[in-house]
């Protein structure tokens, strides 16, 4: 965990970074299928586009 090693002088922050890394890795396992991941990416992109267009108005 390279990221956690960068904050070794801050034990509370280090613990939170380690927790975040573990949570992120577990979340990645939920959608292991590349098709599902691709669909989620497309959906997220479309929502961001909609939000940007709405903000312009």
C-alpha atoms as a PDB file:
ATOM      1  CA  UNK A   1       0.000   0.000   0.000  1.00  0.00           C
ATOM      2  CA  UNK A   2       2.171   2.771  -1.334  1.00  0.00           C
ATOM      3  CA  UNK A   3      -0.338   5.497  -0.542  1.00  0.00           C
ATOM      4  CA  UNK A   4      -0.490   4.490   3.122  1.00  0.00           C
ATOM      5  CA  UNK A   5       3.310   4.514   3.334  1.00  0.00           C
ATOM      6  CA  UNK A   6       3.401   8.197   2.431  1.00  0.00           C
ATOM      7  CA  UNK A   7       1.548   9.147   5.610  1.00  0.00           C
ATOM      8  CA  UNK A   8       3.459   7.025   8.103  1.00  0.00           C
ATOM      9  CA  UNK A   9       3.878   9.976  10.485  1.00  0.00           C
ATOM     10  CA  UNK A  10       0.093  10.355  10.697  1.00  0.00           C
ATOM     11  CA  UNK A  11      -1.290   7.116  12.179  1.00  0.00           C
ATOM     12  CA  UNK A  12      -4.958   8.147  12.094  1.00  0.00           C
ATOM     13  CA  UNK A  13      -4.734   9.266   8.472  1.00  0.00           C
ATOM     14  CA  UNK A  14      -2.757   6.126   7.581  1.00  0.00           C
ATOM     15  CA  UNK A  15      -5.482   3.918   9.083  1.00  0.00           C
ATOM     16  CA  UNK A  16      -8.137   5.770   7.083  1.00  0.00           C
ATOM     17  CA  UNK A  17      -6.152   5.434   3.850  1.00  0.00           C
ATOM     18  CA  UNK A  18      -5.739   1.694   4.455  1.00  0.00           C
ATOM     19  CA  UNK A  19      -9.469   1.365   5.129  1.00  0.00           C
ATOM     20  CA  UNK A  20     -10.256   3.296   1.953  1.00  0.00           C
ATOM     21  CA  UNK A  21      -7.976   1.060  -0.124  1.00  0.00           C
ATOM     22  CA  UNK A  22      -9.630  -2.059   1.277  1.00  0.00           C
ATOM     23  CA  UNK A  23     -13.128  -0.671   0.667  1.00  0.00           C
ATOM     24  CA  UNK A  24     -12.216   0.324  -2.868  1.00  0.00           C
ATOM     25  CA  UNK A  25     -10.831  -3.114  -3.666  1.00  0.00           C
ATOM     26  CA  UNK A  26     -13.986  -4.773  -2.316  1.00  0.00           C
ATOM     27  CA  UNK A  27     -16.181  -2.440  -4.341  1.00  0.00           C
ATOM     28  CA  UNK A  28     -14.284  -3.427  -7.476  1.00  0.00           C
ATOM     29  CA  UNK A  29     -15.154  -7.070  -6.890  1.00  0.00           C
ATOM     30  CA  UNK A  30     -18.878  -6.379  -6.982  1.00  0.00           C
ATOM     31  CA  UNK A  31     -18.742  -5.571 -10.701  1.00  0.00           C
ATOM     32  CA  UNK A  32     -16.010  -7.910 -11.910  1.00  0.00           C
ATOM     33  CA  UNK A  33     -17.696  -8.307 -15.300  1.00  0.00           C
ATOM     34  CA  UNK A  34     -16.200  -5.931 -17.888  1.00  0.00           C
ATOM     35  CA  UNK A  35     -19.579  -5.421 -19.561  1.00  0.00           C
ATOM     36  CA  UNK A  36     -21.114  -4.260 -16.283  1.00  0.00           C
ATOM     37  CA  UNK A  37     -18.178  -1.944 -15.617  1.00  0.00           C
ATOM     38  CA  UNK A  38     -18.429  -0.523 -19.128  1.00  0.00           C
ATOM     39  CA  UNK A  39     -22.148   0.091 -18.746  1.00  0.00           C
ATOM     40  CA  UNK A  40     -21.626   1.823 -15.406  1.00  0.00           C
ATOM     41  CA  UNK A  41     -18.952   4.011 -16.979  1.00  0.00           C
ATOM     42  CA  UNK A  42     -21.272   4.965 -19.854  1.00  0.00           C
ATOM     43  CA  UNK A  43     -24.119   5.732 -17.472  1.00  0.00           C
ATOM     44  CA  UNK A  44     -21.862   7.900 -15.301  1.00  0.00           C
ATOM     45  CA  UNK A  45     -20.572   9.777 -18.342  1.00  0.00           C
ATOM     46  CA  UNK A  46     -24.084  10.434 -19.615  1.00  0.00           C
ATOM     47  CA  UNK A  47     -25.176  11.734 -16.215  1.00  0.00           C
ATOM     48  CA  UNK A  48     -22.168  14.064 -16.095  1.00  0.00           C
ATOM     49  CA  UNK A  49     -23.024  15.338 -19.578  1.00  0.00           C
ATOM     50  CA  UNK A  50     -26.616  16.009 -18.515  1.00  0.00           C
ATOM     51  CA  UNK A  51     -25.434  17.826 -15.394  1.00  0.00           C
ATOM     52  CA  UNK A  52     -23.036  19.995 -17.407  1.00  0.00           C
ATOM     53  CA  UNK A  53     -25.663  20.901 -19.981  1.00  0.00           C
ATOM     54  CA  UNK A  54     -28.184  21.694 -17.232  1.00  0.00           C
ATOM     55  CA  UNK A  55     -25.637  23.897 -15.441  1.00  0.00           C
ATOM     56  CA  UNK A  56     -25.040  25.904 -18.638  1.00  0.00           C
ATOM     57  CA  UNK A  57     -28.677  27.010 -18.775  1.00  0.00           C
END
